[in-house]
C-alpha atoms as a PDB file:
ATOM      1  CA  MET A   1      14.782   6.741  47.842  1.00  0.00           C
ATOM      2  CA  MET A   2      12.393   8.169  50.435  1.00  0.00           C
ATOM      3  CA  LYS A   3      13.513   5.584  53.029  1.00  0.00           C
ATOM      4  CA  LEU A   4      17.156   6.541  52.511  1.00  0.00           C
ATOM      5  CA  LYS A   5      16.331  10.205  53.053  1.00  0.00           C
ATOM      6  CA  LYS A   6      14.455   9.414  56.275  1.00  0.00           C
ATOM      7  CA  ALA A   7      17.349   7.264  57.486  1.00  0.00           C
ATOM      8  CA  LYS A   8      19.799  10.121  56.857  1.00  0.00           C
ATOM      9  CA  MET A   9      17.513  12.488  58.762  1.00  0.00           C
ATOM     10  CA  LEU A  10      17.550  10.136  61.762  1.00  0.00           C
ATOM     11  CA  ILE A  11      21.248   9.248  61.635  1.00  0.00           C
ATOM     12  CA  LEU A  12      22.537  12.813  61.270  1.00  0.00           C
ATOM     13  CA  PRO A  13      21.196  14.069  64.654  1.00  0.00           C
ATOM     14  CA  LEU A  14      22.410  10.901  66.383  1.00  0.00           C
ATOM     15  CA  ALA A  15      25.867  11.277  64.854  1.00  0.00           C
ATOM     16  CA  MET A  16      26.002  14.935  65.899  1.00  0.00           C
ATOM     17  CA  LEU A  17      24.972  14.060  69.441  1.00  0.00           C
ATOM     18  CA  LEU A  18      27.599  11.345  69.636  1.00  0.00           C
ATOM     19  CA  PHE A  19      30.306  13.628  68.225  1.00  0.00           C
ATOM     20  CA  LEU A  20      29.434  16.476  70.586  1.00  0.00           C
ATOM     21  CA  SER A  21      29.354  14.214  73.619  1.00  0.00           C
ATOM     22  CA  PHE A  22      32.997  13.245  72.988  1.00  0.00           C
ATOM     23  CA  SER A  23      34.236  16.694  72.077  1.00  0.00           C
ATOM     24  CA  SER A  24      32.702  18.488  75.042  1.00  0.00           C
ATOM     25  CA  ALA A  25      33.231  15.907  77.776  1.00  0.00           C
ATOM     26  CA  HIS A  26      32.779  17.481  81.170  1.00  0.00           C
ATOM     27  CA  LYS A  27      35.097  16.496  84.023  1.00  0.00           C
ATOM     28  CA  PHE A  28      33.519  16.110  87.441  1.00  0.00           C
ATOM     29  CA  TYR A  29      35.612  16.566  90.558  1.00  0.00           C
ATOM     30  CA  VAL A  30      33.967  14.535  93.291  1.00  0.00           C
ATOM     31  CA  SER A  31      34.853  12.080  96.023  1.00  0.00           C
ATOM     32  CA  VAL A  32      32.485   9.931  98.056  1.00  0.00           C
ATOM     33  CA  THR A  33      33.252   8.993 101.644  1.00  0.00           C
ATOM     34  CA  ASN A  34      31.181   6.500 103.632  1.00  0.00           C
ATOM     35  CA  ILE A  35      31.488   6.434 107.408  1.00  0.00           C
ATOM     36  CA  VAL A  36      29.694   3.513 109.039  1.00  0.00           C
ATOM     37  CA  TYR A  37      29.628   2.642 112.731  1.00  0.00           C
ATOM     38  CA  SER A  38      30.254  -1.058 113.321  1.00  0.00           C
ATOM     39  CA  GLU A  39      28.778  -2.188 116.639  1.00  0.00           C
ATOM     40  CA  GLU A  40      30.604  -5.503 116.318  1.00  0.00           C
ATOM     41  CA  ASP A  41      33.993  -3.750 116.087  1.00  0.00           C
ATOM     42  CA  SER A  42      33.105  -0.636 118.158  1.00  0.00           C
ATOM     43  CA  ALA A  43      34.626   1.421 115.366  1.00  0.00           C
ATOM     44  CA  PHE A  44      33.811   3.880 112.619  1.00  0.00           C
ATOM     45  CA  GLN A  45      34.827   2.244 109.356  1.00  0.00           C
ATOM     46  CA  ILE A  46      35.558   4.718 106.577  1.00  0.00           C
ATOM     47  CA  THR A  47      35.897   4.231 102.839  1.00  0.00           C
ATOM     48  CA  SER A  48      36.800   7.166 100.645  1.00  0.00           C
ATOM     49  CA  ARG A  49      36.532   6.926  96.863  1.00  0.00           C
ATOM     50  CA  VAL A  50      38.668   9.311  94.804  1.00  0.00           C
ATOM     51  CA  PHE A  51      39.334   9.317  91.061  1.00  0.00           C
ATOM     52  CA  ILE A  52      42.763   7.820  90.373  1.00  0.00           C
ATOM     53  CA  ASP A  53      43.776  10.466  87.816  1.00  0.00           C
ATOM     54  CA  ASP A  54      42.936  13.280  90.259  1.00  0.00           C
ATOM     55  CA  LEU A  55      44.926  11.613  93.037  1.00  0.00           C
ATOM     56  CA  ASP A  56      47.833  11.027  90.639  1.00  0.00           C
ATOM     57  CA  LYS A  57      47.840  14.698  89.650  1.00  0.00           C
ATOM     58  CA  LEU A  58      47.684  15.756  93.283  1.00  0.00           C
ATOM     59  CA  LEU A  59      50.658  13.600  94.300  1.00  0.00           C
ATOM     60  CA  GLU A  60      52.717  15.077  91.481  1.00  0.00           C
ATOM     61  CA  GLU A  61      51.748  18.701  92.150  1.00  0.00           C
ATOM     62  CA  ARG A  62      51.885  18.568  95.949  1.00  0.00           C
ATOM     63  CA  TYR A  63      54.803  16.191  96.562  1.00  0.00           C
ATOM     64  CA  GLY A  64      56.594  15.942  93.207  1.00  0.00           C
ATOM     65  CA  ILE A  65      55.912  12.209  92.946  1.00  0.00           C
ATOM     66  CA  GLU A  66      55.148  10.437  89.686  1.00  0.00           C
ATOM     67  CA  ALA A  67      52.920   7.905  91.400  1.00  0.00           C
ATOM     68  CA  LYS A  68      51.555   6.125  88.306  1.00  0.00           C
ATOM     69  CA  LEU A  69      48.726   4.777  90.455  1.00  0.00           C
ATOM     70  CA  ALA A  70      47.009   1.548  89.429  1.00  0.00           C
ATOM     71  CA  THR A  71      49.765   0.623  86.980  1.00  0.00           C
ATOM     72  CA  PRO A  72      52.546  -1.956  87.166  1.00  0.00           C
ATOM     73  CA  LYS A  73      54.989   0.957  87.569  1.00  0.00           C
ATOM     74  CA  GLU A  74      53.255   2.426  90.641  1.00  0.00           C
ATOM     75  CA  SER A  75      55.677   4.219  92.930  1.00  0.00           C
ATOM     76  CA  LYS A  76      56.575   2.258  96.072  1.00  0.00           C
ATOM     77  CA  ILE A  77      56.053   5.370  98.188  1.00  0.00           C
ATOM     78  CA  ALA A  78      52.666   6.312  96.700  1.00  0.00           C
ATOM     79  CA  GLU A  79      50.573   4.841  99.525  1.00  0.00           C
ATOM     80  CA  GLU A  80      52.745   6.543 102.144  1.00  0.00           C
ATOM     81  CA  TYR A  81      52.066   9.927 100.518  1.00  0.00           C
ATOM     82  CA  ILE A  82      48.357   9.204 100.066  1.00  0.00           C
ATOM     83  CA  GLU A  83      48.172   8.535 103.805  1.00  0.00           C
ATOM     84  CA  LYS A  84      50.155  11.712 104.561  1.00  0.00           C
ATOM     85  CA  TYR A  85      47.795  13.730 102.368  1.00  0.00           C
ATOM     86  CA  PHE A  86      44.660  12.236 103.965  1.00  0.00           C
ATOM     87  CA  ARG A  87      45.967  13.002 107.453  1.00  0.00           C
ATOM     88  CA  SER A  88      46.379  16.656 106.465  1.00  0.00           C
ATOM     89  CA  LYS A  89      43.014  17.001 104.671  1.00  0.00           C
ATOM     90  CA  PHE A  90      40.578  14.601 106.359  1.00  0.00           C
ATOM     91  CA  VAL A  91      39.763  15.173 110.039  1.00  0.00           C
ATOM     92  CA  VAL A  92      37.081  13.652 112.271  1.00  0.00           C
ATOM     93  CA  GLU A  93      36.058  15.089 115.639  1.00  0.00           C
ATOM     94  CA  LEU A  94      33.925  13.338 118.238  1.00  0.00           C
ATOM     95  CA  ASP A  95      32.437  15.657 120.849  1.00  0.00           C
ATOM     96  CA  GLY A  96      34.728  18.451 119.663  1.00  0.00           C
ATOM     97  CA  LYS A  97      37.969  16.462 119.963  1.00  0.00           C
ATOM     98  CA  VAL A  98      40.037  15.367 116.973  1.00  0.00           C
ATOM     99  CA  VAL A  99      40.218  11.578 116.938  1.00  0.00           C
ATOM    100  CA  PRO A 100      43.066   9.605 115.396  1.00  0.00           C
ATOM    101  CA  TYR A 101      42.325   7.050 112.727  1.00  0.00           C
ATOM    102  CA  ASN A 102      44.210   4.171 111.210  1.00  0.00           C
ATOM    103  CA  PHE A 103      44.959   4.301 107.498  1.00  0.00           C
ATOM    104  CA  LEU A 104      44.394   0.663 106.553  1.00  0.00           C
ATOM    105  CA  GLY A 105      45.353   0.878 102.891  1.00  0.00           C
ATOM    106  CA  LYS A 106      43.898   1.321  99.435  1.00  0.00           C
ATOM    107  CA  LYS A 107      42.716  -0.641  96.433  1.00  0.00           C
ATOM    108  CA  TYR A 108      41.629   0.235  92.926  1.00  0.00           C
ATOM    109  CA  ASP A 109      38.309  -0.300  91.206  1.00  0.00           C
ATOM    110  CA  THR A 110      38.265   0.716  87.540  1.00  0.00           C
ATOM    111  CA  ASP A 111      39.092   4.466  87.672  1.00  0.00           C
ATOM    112  CA  VAL A 112      38.670   4.948  91.434  1.00  0.00           C
ATOM    113  CA  ALA A 113      41.063   4.594  94.358  1.00  0.00           C
ATOM    114  CA  ILE A 114      39.320   3.355  97.495  1.00  0.00           C
ATOM    115  CA  CYS A 115      41.077   4.326 100.721  1.00  0.00           C
ATOM    116  CA  TYR A 116      40.235   2.490 103.939  1.00  0.00           C
ATOM    117  CA  LEU A 117      40.375   4.215 107.322  1.00  0.00           C
ATOM    118  CA  GLU A 118      39.147   3.212 110.772  1.00  0.00           C
ATOM    119  CA  ILE A 119      38.508   4.996 114.048  1.00  0.00           C
ATOM    120  CA  PRO A 120      38.790   2.180 116.623  1.00  0.00           C
ATOM    121  CA  ASN A 121      37.509   1.915 120.186  1.00  0.00           C
ATOM    122  CA  VAL A 122      34.464   4.171 119.895  1.00  0.00           C
ATOM    123  CA  LYS A 123      31.703   3.773 122.482  1.00  0.00           C
ATOM    124  CA  LEU A 124      28.889   5.228 120.417  1.00  0.00           C
ATOM    125  CA  SER A 125      26.573   5.501 123.433  1.00  0.00           C
ATOM    126  CA  GLU A 126      28.995   8.033 124.938  1.00  0.00           C
ATOM    127  CA  VAL A 127      29.354  10.163 121.796  1.00  0.00           C
ATOM    128  CA  LYS A 128      26.989  13.068 121.239  1.00  0.00           C
ATOM    129  CA  THR A 129      28.407  14.870 118.177  1.00  0.00           C
ATOM    130  CA  MET A 130      30.570  14.185 115.156  1.00  0.00           C
ATOM    131  CA  SER A 131      32.130  16.603 112.716  1.00  0.00           C
ATOM    132  CA  VAL A 132      33.886  15.702 109.510  1.00  0.00           C
ATOM    133  CA  GLN A 133      36.260  18.043 107.723  1.00  0.00           C
ATOM    134  CA  ASN A 134      37.032  16.817 104.229  1.00  0.00           C
ATOM    135  CA  GLU A 135      39.327  19.011 102.133  1.00  0.00           C
ATOM    136  CA  VAL A 136      40.564  16.196  99.894  1.00  0.00           C
ATOM    137  CA  LEU A 137      41.476  17.652  96.480  1.00  0.00           C
ATOM    138  CA  THR A 138      39.874  21.058  97.219  1.00  0.00           C
ATOM    139  CA  ASP A 139      43.365  22.578  97.204  1.00  0.00           C
ATOM    140  CA  LEU A 140      43.888  21.380  93.625  1.00  0.00           C
ATOM    141  CA  PHE A 141      40.441  21.661  92.032  1.00  0.00           C
ATOM    142  CA  ASP A 142      38.146  24.632  92.693  1.00  0.00           C
ATOM    143  CA  GLU A 143      35.110  22.582  91.623  1.00  0.00           C
ATOM    144  CA  GLN A 144      35.898  19.638  93.939  1.00  0.00           C
ATOM    145  CA  GLN A 145      32.918  18.312  95.906  1.00  0.00           C
ATOM    146  CA  ASN A 146      33.331  15.781  98.692  1.00  0.00           C
ATOM    147  CA  VAL A 147      30.167  13.840  99.463  1.00  0.00           C
ATOM    148  CA  VAL A 148      30.102  12.327 102.957  1.00  0.00           C
ATOM    149  CA  HIS A 149      27.579   9.700 104.120  1.00  0.00           C
ATOM    150  CA  VAL A 150      27.475   8.778 107.819  1.00  0.00           C
ATOM    151  CA  LYS A 151      25.522   5.739 109.086  1.00  0.00           C
ATOM    152  CA  TRP A 152      25.022   4.755 112.718  1.00  0.00           C
ATOM    153  CA  ASN A 153      22.332   2.827 114.618  1.00  0.00           C
ATOM    154  CA  GLY A 154      19.974   2.792 111.626  1.00  0.00           C
ATOM    155  CA  ASN A 155      20.415   6.535 111.027  1.00  0.00           C
ATOM    156  CA  LYS A 156      21.929   8.111 107.952  1.00  0.00           C
ATOM    157  CA  LYS A 157      23.055  11.657 107.244  1.00  0.00           C
ATOM    158  CA  SER A 158      24.761  12.987 104.133  1.00  0.00           C
ATOM    159  CA  PHE A 159      26.372  16.276 103.241  1.00  0.00           C
ATOM    160  CA  VAL A 160      28.385  17.794 100.408  1.00  0.00           C
ATOM    161  CA  LEU A 161      31.567  19.620 101.348  1.00  0.00           C
ATOM    162  CA  ILE A 162      33.331  22.159  99.129  1.00  0.00           C
ATOM    163  CA  ARG A 163      36.354  24.416  99.539  1.00  0.00           C
ATOM    164  CA  GLN A 164      34.325  27.245 101.113  1.00  0.00           C
ATOM    165  CA  ASN A 165      32.267  24.888 103.327  1.00  0.00           C
ATOM    166  CA  ASN A 166      34.544  21.971 104.202  1.00  0.00           C
ATOM    167  CA  LYS A 167      33.085  20.782 107.510  1.00  0.00           C
ATOM    168  CA  GLY A 168      29.880  18.932 108.296  1.00  0.00           C
ATOM    169  CA  MET A 169      28.484  18.362 111.799  1.00  0.00           C
ATOM    170  CA  LEU A 170      25.820  16.065 113.168  1.00  0.00           C
ATOM    171  CA  ASN A 171      24.295  14.938 116.426  1.00  0.00           C
ATOM    172  CA  LEU A 172      24.579  11.210 117.086  1.00  0.00           C
END
């Protein structure tokens, strides 16, 4: 009888913790962008990871598209609008000049959309500064944080961008 009472005393807090963790799930609004300089390609290669459900909601609210990302019924124009959105919200400057990038495409990994971008033909030895403006999803979610990691010549710098502070700068 005593063992049963002790077991109940242990199980009850665990059950409460489990129940509360499901009922008060907290949603994080974050993206992670990696910018890596490839000496072999003389290019900045960029991967940006964004939650699929957030991107889906954005496409519907901003463009009126039911994208249904990462499903068999994904809209044929979804990628076109993802690219359009990135071009309006993600900007890179080298030495104070906006540089164009190629939107190479996207793929899905579990609950994340990974977008691939590239800034070709960069002679890193001639570049002194880089700035990254990342406003992806900040127009939809007040709590959105965009983490940016930049790697070049063995160096690494990271910053977190939010709606009120959406631009990071570094010396190369």
